[in-house]
């Protein structure tokens, strides 16, 4: 983990730079904005956009593993920059590059959260929900999809967790038994809590019956 004083200084520097990048993006000066981001990648992480574009989210995570622990706040800071780069690519019409960066940012945000990242640093949960919304309808890597499933259930968004569950089963990345276990956990919850999470008790029972029938 960053030392607290060092972390605060780094975040202040990056926040200031992101303000400059936002201004360039508003002016449609996309190459200039990308150059500013490249400088941040180099100075803060000794990485490049080209390398980050070629590595998988799991490989990127390993770069931030030290002594058996993931440097979660560093990782979520990198995810914030990747999300910004994705926005710039999309704004400039480079859809494939933009979506790729967004998916990697989502995976890294979720991984950072899983490893104890400070959620107030970059409004972590808001970033995750925002990227999930932006990527709705796009096929995610099964590893990322499972992180989405776990996050959505933990946050009480049972409708989003259910959607992720079926996408995982369609990808054959989750079996029916895990799906049944999910519905059984939900069946034990208060009906009002389920409604607040986007599902009714009846829908939970229907989902449970359907998966049991599949067996």
C-alpha atoms as a PDB file:
ATOM      1  CA  UNK A   1       0.000   0.000   0.000  1.00  0.00           C
ATOM      2  CA  UNK A   2       1.043   3.605  -0.476  1.00  0.00           C
ATOM      3  CA  UNK A   3       2.212   5.481   2.609  1.00  0.00           C
ATOM      4  CA  UNK A   4      -0.594   7.878   3.533  1.00  0.00           C
ATOM      5  CA  UNK A   5       1.312  11.118   2.909  1.00  0.00           C
ATOM      6  CA  UNK A   6       2.749   9.828  -0.359  1.00  0.00           C
ATOM      7  CA  UNK A   7      -0.668   8.651  -1.475  1.00  0.00           C
ATOM      8  CA  UNK A   8      -2.260  12.038  -0.827  1.00  0.00           C
ATOM      9  CA  UNK A   9       0.445  13.797  -2.833  1.00  0.00           C
ATOM     10  CA  UNK A  10       0.130  11.410  -5.753  1.00  0.00           C
ATOM     11  CA  UNK A  11      -3.655  11.731  -5.822  1.00  0.00           C
ATOM     12  CA  UNK A  12      -3.405  15.515  -5.793  1.00  0.00           C
ATOM     13  CA  UNK A  13      -0.956  15.438  -8.711  1.00  0.00           C
ATOM     14  CA  UNK A  14      -3.090  13.051 -10.715  1.00  0.00           C
ATOM     15  CA  UNK A  15      -6.298  14.958  -9.966  1.00  0.00           C
ATOM     16  CA  UNK A  16      -4.684  18.164 -11.224  1.00  0.00           C
ATOM     17  CA  UNK A  17      -3.493  16.404 -14.385  1.00  0.00           C
ATOM     18  CA  UNK A  18      -6.946  14.911 -14.967  1.00  0.00           C
ATOM     19  CA  UNK A  19      -8.359  18.418 -14.842  1.00  0.00           C
ATOM     20  CA  UNK A  20      -6.020  19.407 -17.661  1.00  0.00           C
ATOM     21  CA  UNK A  21      -6.948  16.270 -19.594  1.00  0.00           C
ATOM     22  CA  UNK A  22     -10.649  16.995 -19.149  1.00  0.00           C
ATOM     23  CA  UNK A  23     -10.137  20.464 -20.607  1.00  0.00           C
ATOM     24  CA  UNK A  24      -8.288  19.056 -23.604  1.00  0.00           C
ATOM     25  CA  UNK A  25     -11.024  16.475 -24.121  1.00  0.00           C
ATOM     26  CA  UNK A  26     -13.674  19.211 -24.049  1.00  0.00           C
ATOM     27  CA  UNK A  27     -11.729  21.045 -26.737  1.00  0.00           C
ATOM     28  CA  UNK A  28     -11.560  17.828 -28.788  1.00  0.00           C
ATOM     29  CA  UNK A  29      -7.766  17.859 -28.518  1.00  0.00           C
ATOM     30  CA  UNK A  30      -7.658  14.104 -28.154  1.00  0.00           C
ATOM     31  CA  UNK A  31      -3.991  13.516 -29.138  1.00  0.00           C
ATOM     32  CA  UNK A  32      -2.892  16.101 -26.556  1.00  0.00           C
ATOM     33  CA  UNK A  33      -5.088  14.494 -23.900  1.00  0.00           C
ATOM     34  CA  UNK A  34      -3.628  11.069 -24.668  1.00  0.00           C
ATOM     35  CA  UNK A  35      -0.091  12.465 -24.430  1.00  0.00           C
ATOM     36  CA  UNK A  36      -0.895  13.823 -20.975  1.00  0.00           C
ATOM     37  CA  UNK A  37      -2.156  10.396 -19.937  1.00  0.00           C
ATOM     38  CA  UNK A  38       0.916   8.701 -21.355  1.00  0.00           C
ATOM     39  CA  UNK A  39       3.064  10.967 -19.205  1.00  0.00           C
ATOM     40  CA  UNK A  40       1.043   9.980 -16.134  1.00  0.00           C
ATOM     41  CA  UNK A  41       1.458   6.287 -16.940  1.00  0.00           C
ATOM     42  CA  UNK A  42       5.207   6.773 -17.289  1.00  0.00           C
ATOM     43  CA  UNK A  43       5.844   9.016 -14.282  1.00  0.00           C
ATOM     44  CA  UNK A  44       3.507   7.337 -11.799  1.00  0.00           C
ATOM     45  CA  UNK A  45       3.735   3.679 -12.790  1.00  0.00           C
ATOM     46  CA  UNK A  46       6.622   3.316 -15.280  1.00  0.00           C
ATOM     47  CA  UNK A  47       4.154   1.834 -17.734  1.00  0.00           C
ATOM     48  CA  UNK A  48       2.935   2.805 -21.181  1.00  0.00           C
ATOM     49  CA  UNK A  49      -0.434   2.864 -22.879  1.00  0.00           C
ATOM     50  CA  UNK A  50       0.870   0.396 -25.456  1.00  0.00           C
ATOM     51  CA  UNK A  51       1.899  -2.092 -22.766  1.00  0.00           C
ATOM     52  CA  UNK A  52      -1.346  -1.683 -20.831  1.00  0.00           C
ATOM     53  CA  UNK A  53      -3.281  -2.254 -24.023  1.00  0.00           C
ATOM     54  CA  UNK A  54      -1.467  -5.537 -24.653  1.00  0.00           C
ATOM     55  CA  UNK A  55      -1.653  -7.005 -21.127  1.00  0.00           C
ATOM     56  CA  UNK A  56      -4.646  -8.810 -19.670  1.00  0.00           C
ATOM     57  CA  UNK A  57      -6.232  -7.424 -16.474  1.00  0.00           C
ATOM     58  CA  UNK A  58      -4.783 -10.354 -14.524  1.00  0.00           C
ATOM     59  CA  UNK A  59      -1.299  -9.635 -15.877  1.00  0.00           C
ATOM     60  CA  UNK A  60      -1.647  -5.959 -14.961  1.00  0.00           C
ATOM     61  CA  UNK A  61      -2.722  -6.940 -11.446  1.00  0.00           C
ATOM     62  CA  UNK A  62       0.415  -9.051 -11.047  1.00  0.00           C
ATOM     63  CA  UNK A  63       2.524  -5.958 -11.731  1.00  0.00           C
ATOM     64  CA  UNK A  64       1.026  -4.482  -8.561  1.00  0.00           C
ATOM     65  CA  UNK A  65       1.617  -7.501  -6.367  1.00  0.00           C
ATOM     66  CA  UNK A  66       4.342  -7.064  -3.775  1.00  0.00           C
ATOM     67  CA  UNK A  67       5.241  -9.507  -1.009  1.00  0.00           C
ATOM     68  CA  UNK A  68       2.148 -11.556  -1.751  1.00  0.00           C
ATOM     69  CA  UNK A  69      -0.183  -8.540  -1.465  1.00  0.00           C
ATOM     70  CA  UNK A  70      -1.858  -6.479  -4.177  1.00  0.00           C
ATOM     71  CA  UNK A  71      -1.179  -2.745  -3.881  1.00  0.00           C
ATOM     72  CA  UNK A  72      -4.883  -2.043  -4.141  1.00  0.00           C
ATOM     73  CA  UNK A  73      -4.817   1.757  -4.045  1.00  0.00           C
ATOM     74  CA  UNK A  74      -2.168   1.925  -6.742  1.00  0.00           C
ATOM     75  CA  UNK A  75      -4.249  -0.468  -8.795  1.00  0.00           C
ATOM     76  CA  UNK A  76      -7.449   1.548  -8.500  1.00  0.00           C
ATOM     77  CA  UNK A  77      -5.501   4.705  -9.384  1.00  0.00           C
ATOM     78  CA  UNK A  78      -4.282   3.052 -12.576  1.00  0.00           C
ATOM     79  CA  UNK A  79      -7.855   1.907 -13.254  1.00  0.00           C
ATOM     80  CA  UNK A  80      -8.995   5.524 -13.004  1.00  0.00           C
ATOM     81  CA  UNK A  81      -6.475   6.516 -15.687  1.00  0.00           C
ATOM     82  CA  UNK A  82      -7.502   3.612 -17.909  1.00  0.00           C
ATOM     83  CA  UNK A  83     -11.124   4.664 -17.569  1.00  0.00           C
ATOM     84  CA  UNK A  84     -10.170   8.182 -18.610  1.00  0.00           C
ATOM     85  CA  UNK A  85      -8.251   6.865 -21.597  1.00  0.00           C
ATOM     86  CA  UNK A  86     -11.233   4.765 -22.594  1.00  0.00           C
ATOM     87  CA  UNK A  87     -13.457   7.849 -22.503  1.00  0.00           C
ATOM     88  CA  UNK A  88     -11.024   9.737 -24.727  1.00  0.00           C
ATOM     89  CA  UNK A  89     -10.863   6.914 -27.265  1.00  0.00           C
ATOM     90  CA  UNK A  90     -14.649   6.721 -27.379  1.00  0.00           C
ATOM     91  CA  UNK A  91     -14.961  10.486 -27.714  1.00  0.00           C
ATOM     92  CA  UNK A  92     -12.591  10.380 -30.668  1.00  0.00           C
ATOM     93  CA  UNK A  93     -14.531   7.591 -32.397  1.00  0.00           C
ATOM     94  CA  UNK A  94     -12.182   4.706 -31.519  1.00  0.00           C
ATOM     95  CA  UNK A  95     -14.873   2.447 -30.102  1.00  0.00           C
ATOM     96  CA  UNK A  96     -12.916  -0.818 -29.872  1.00  0.00           C
ATOM     97  CA  UNK A  97      -9.985   0.764 -28.031  1.00  0.00           C
ATOM     98  CA  UNK A  98     -12.356   2.659 -25.764  1.00  0.00           C
ATOM     99  CA  UNK A  99     -14.383  -0.379 -24.764  1.00  0.00           C
ATOM    100  CA  UNK A 100     -11.234  -2.413 -24.197  1.00  0.00           C
ATOM    101  CA  UNK A 101      -9.880   0.221 -21.792  1.00  0.00           C
ATOM    102  CA  UNK A 102     -13.226   0.440 -20.014  1.00  0.00           C
ATOM    103  CA  UNK A 103     -13.371  -3.325 -19.512  1.00  0.00           C
ATOM    104  CA  UNK A 104      -9.839  -3.407 -18.128  1.00  0.00           C
ATOM    105  CA  UNK A 105     -10.620  -0.462 -15.850  1.00  0.00           C
ATOM    106  CA  UNK A 106     -13.724  -2.254 -14.540  1.00  0.00           C
ATOM    107  CA  UNK A 107     -11.774  -5.430 -13.826  1.00  0.00           C
ATOM    108  CA  UNK A 108      -9.018  -3.516 -12.033  1.00  0.00           C
ATOM    109  CA  UNK A 109     -11.447  -1.451  -9.968  1.00  0.00           C
ATOM    110  CA  UNK A 110     -13.221  -4.626  -8.876  1.00  0.00           C
ATOM    111  CA  UNK A 111      -9.932  -6.380  -8.107  1.00  0.00           C
ATOM    112  CA  UNK A 112      -8.675  -3.395  -6.126  1.00  0.00           C
ATOM    113  CA  UNK A 113     -11.887  -3.366  -4.107  1.00  0.00           C
ATOM    114  CA  UNK A 114     -11.556  -7.087  -3.462  1.00  0.00           C
ATOM    115  CA  UNK A 115      -8.076  -6.465  -2.055  1.00  0.00           C
ATOM    116  CA  UNK A 116      -9.095  -3.708   0.345  1.00  0.00           C
ATOM    117  CA  UNK A 117      -8.746  -0.500  -1.675  1.00  0.00           C
ATOM    118  CA  UNK A 118      -9.891   2.727  -0.020  1.00  0.00           C
ATOM    119  CA  UNK A 119     -13.368   3.252  -1.573  1.00  0.00           C
ATOM    120  CA  UNK A 120     -13.254   7.017  -1.000  1.00  0.00           C
ATOM    121  CA  UNK A 121     -10.072   7.522  -2.998  1.00  0.00           C
ATOM    122  CA  UNK A 122     -11.685   7.606  -6.443  1.00  0.00           C
ATOM    123  CA  UNK A 123     -15.333   7.047  -5.455  1.00  0.00           C
ATOM    124  CA  UNK A 124     -14.687   3.389  -6.138  1.00  0.00           C
ATOM    125  CA  UNK A 125     -18.219   1.990  -6.032  1.00  0.00           C
ATOM    126  CA  UNK A 126     -19.552   4.821  -8.217  1.00  0.00           C
ATOM    127  CA  UNK A 127     -16.810   4.146 -10.754  1.00  0.00           C
ATOM    128  CA  UNK A 128     -17.708   0.446 -10.810  1.00  0.00           C
ATOM    129  CA  UNK A 129     -21.437   1.026 -11.240  1.00  0.00           C
ATOM    130  CA  UNK A 130     -20.731   3.660 -13.891  1.00  0.00           C
ATOM    131  CA  UNK A 131     -18.580   1.295 -15.945  1.00  0.00           C
ATOM    132  CA  UNK A 132     -21.069  -1.545 -15.537  1.00  0.00           C
ATOM    133  CA  UNK A 133     -23.713   0.749 -16.997  1.00  0.00           C
ATOM    134  CA  UNK A 134     -21.492   1.885 -19.874  1.00  0.00           C
ATOM    135  CA  UNK A 135     -20.589  -1.708 -20.731  1.00  0.00           C
ATOM    136  CA  UNK A 136     -24.146  -3.021 -20.572  1.00  0.00           C
ATOM    137  CA  UNK A 137     -24.729  -5.175 -23.625  1.00  0.00           C
ATOM    138  CA  UNK A 138     -21.028  -5.871 -24.190  1.00  0.00           C
ATOM    139  CA  UNK A 139     -19.558  -9.308 -23.602  1.00  0.00           C
ATOM    140  CA  UNK A 140     -17.149  -9.263 -20.671  1.00  0.00           C
ATOM    141  CA  UNK A 141     -14.282 -11.620 -19.962  1.00  0.00           C
ATOM    142  CA  UNK A 142     -15.601 -14.417 -17.677  1.00  0.00           C
ATOM    143  CA  UNK A 143     -13.117 -13.431 -14.955  1.00  0.00           C
ATOM    144  CA  UNK A 144     -14.455  -9.868 -15.029  1.00  0.00           C
ATOM    145  CA  UNK A 145     -18.037 -11.114 -15.157  1.00  0.00           C
ATOM    146  CA  UNK A 146     -17.516 -13.177 -12.017  1.00  0.00           C
ATOM    147  CA  UNK A 147     -16.141 -10.132 -10.220  1.00  0.00           C
ATOM    148  CA  UNK A 148     -19.256  -8.234 -11.334  1.00  0.00           C
ATOM    149  CA  UNK A 149     -21.448 -11.050  -9.993  1.00  0.00           C
ATOM    150  CA  UNK A 150     -19.741 -11.033  -6.589  1.00  0.00           C
ATOM    151  CA  UNK A 151     -19.785  -7.228  -6.363  1.00  0.00           C
ATOM    152  CA  UNK A 152     -23.447  -6.902  -7.345  1.00  0.00           C
ATOM    153  CA  UNK A 153     -24.559  -9.474  -4.787  1.00  0.00           C
ATOM    154  CA  UNK A 154     -22.442  -7.895  -2.064  1.00  0.00           C
ATOM    155  CA  UNK A 155     -23.893  -4.458  -2.848  1.00  0.00           C
ATOM    156  CA  UNK A 156     -27.448  -5.804  -2.733  1.00  0.00           C
ATOM    157  CA  UNK A 157     -28.077  -5.310  -6.458  1.00  0.00           C
ATOM    158  CA  UNK A 158     -29.542  -8.747  -6.887  1.00  0.00           C
ATOM    159  CA  UNK A 159     -30.977  -7.970 -10.319  1.00  0.00           C
ATOM    160  CA  UNK A 160     -27.506  -7.155 -11.650  1.00  0.00           C
ATOM    161  CA  UNK A 161     -26.057 -10.240  -9.959  1.00  0.00           C
ATOM    162  CA  UNK A 162     -28.757 -12.396 -11.586  1.00  0.00           C
ATOM    163  CA  UNK A 163     -27.946 -10.947 -15.009  1.00  0.00           C
ATOM    164  CA  UNK A 164     -24.246 -11.693 -14.479  1.00  0.00           C
ATOM    165  CA  UNK A 165     -25.125 -15.205 -13.315  1.00  0.00           C
ATOM    166  CA  UNK A 166     -26.919 -16.056 -16.554  1.00  0.00           C
ATOM    167  CA  UNK A 167     -24.171 -14.524 -18.681  1.00  0.00           C
ATOM    168  CA  UNK A 168     -21.637 -16.680 -16.834  1.00  0.00           C
ATOM    169  CA  UNK A 169     -23.721 -19.804 -17.330  1.00  0.00           C
ATOM    170  CA  UNK A 170     -24.104 -18.965 -21.030  1.00  0.00           C
ATOM    171  CA  UNK A 171     -20.298 -18.748 -21.206  1.00  0.00           C
ATOM    172  CA  UNK A 172     -20.063 -22.055 -19.305  1.00  0.00           C
ATOM    173  CA  UNK A 173     -18.020 -20.205 -16.683  1.00  0.00           C
ATOM    174  CA  UNK A 174     -20.463 -20.991 -13.864  1.00  0.00           C
ATOM    175  CA  UNK A 175     -22.425 -24.178 -13.300  1.00  0.00           C
ATOM    176  CA  UNK A 176     -26.032 -24.658 -12.329  1.00  0.00           C
ATOM    177  CA  UNK A 177     -25.142 -25.636  -8.763  1.00  0.00           C
ATOM    178  CA  UNK A 178     -23.596 -22.219  -8.153  1.00  0.00           C
ATOM    179  CA  UNK A 179     -26.701 -20.601  -9.605  1.00  0.00           C
ATOM    180  CA  UNK A 180     -28.927 -22.632  -7.291  1.00  0.00           C
ATOM    181  CA  UNK A 181     -26.774 -21.637  -4.321  1.00  0.00           C
ATOM    182  CA  UNK A 182     -27.193 -17.971  -5.326  1.00  0.00           C
ATOM    183  CA  UNK A 183     -30.997 -18.224  -5.394  1.00  0.00           C
ATOM    184  CA  UNK A 184     -30.998 -20.183  -2.127  1.00  0.00           C
ATOM    185  CA  UNK A 185     -29.061 -17.342  -0.473  1.00  0.00           C
ATOM    186  CA  UNK A 186     -31.587 -14.836  -1.803  1.00  0.00           C
ATOM    187  CA  UNK A 187     -34.536 -16.976  -0.662  1.00  0.00           C
ATOM    188  CA  UNK A 188     -33.378 -16.515   2.933  1.00  0.00           C
ATOM    189  CA  UNK A 189     -33.534 -12.712   2.709  1.00  0.00           C
ATOM    190  CA  UNK A 190     -36.393 -10.445   3.731  1.00  0.00           C
ATOM    191  CA  UNK A 191     -38.765  -9.887   0.754  1.00  0.00           C
ATOM    192  CA  UNK A 192     -38.480  -6.107   1.112  1.00  0.00           C
ATOM    193  CA  UNK A 193     -34.711  -6.334   0.875  1.00  0.00           C
ATOM    194  CA  UNK A 194     -35.077  -8.318  -2.327  1.00  0.00           C
ATOM    195  CA  UNK A 195     -37.394  -5.684  -3.808  1.00  0.00           C
ATOM    196  CA  UNK A 196     -34.872  -2.979  -2.935  1.00  0.00           C
ATOM    197  CA  UNK A 197     -32.284  -5.077  -4.769  1.00  0.00           C
ATOM    198  CA  UNK A 198     -34.364  -5.316  -7.932  1.00  0.00           C
ATOM    199  CA  UNK A 199     -35.964  -8.751  -7.520  1.00  0.00           C
ATOM    200  CA  UNK A 200     -39.151 -10.018  -5.935  1.00  0.00           C
ATOM    201  CA  UNK A 201     -39.462 -13.126  -3.771  1.00  0.00           C
ATOM    202  CA  UNK A 202     -41.546 -14.678  -6.544  1.00  0.00           C
ATOM    203  CA  UNK A 203     -38.798 -14.048  -9.109  1.00  0.00           C
ATOM    204  CA  UNK A 204     -36.264 -15.677  -6.803  1.00  0.00           C
ATOM    205  CA  UNK A 205     -38.444 -18.766  -6.463  1.00  0.00           C
ATOM    206  CA  UNK A 206     -38.966 -18.864 -10.237  1.00  0.00           C
ATOM    207  CA  UNK A 207     -35.218 -18.667 -10.840  1.00  0.00           C
ATOM    208  CA  UNK A 208     -34.563 -21.357  -8.265  1.00  0.00           C
ATOM    209  CA  UNK A 209     -37.196 -23.667  -9.799  1.00  0.00           C
ATOM    210  CA  UNK A 210     -35.823 -23.121 -13.290  1.00  0.00           C
ATOM    211  CA  UNK A 211     -32.254 -24.037 -12.341  1.00  0.00           C
ATOM    212  CA  UNK A 212     -33.378 -27.047 -10.326  1.00  0.00           C
ATOM    213  CA  UNK A 213     -35.314 -28.155 -13.391  1.00  0.00           C
ATOM    214  CA  UNK A 214     -32.130 -27.869 -15.478  1.00  0.00           C
ATOM    215  CA  UNK A 215     -30.515 -30.476 -13.230  1.00  0.00           C
END
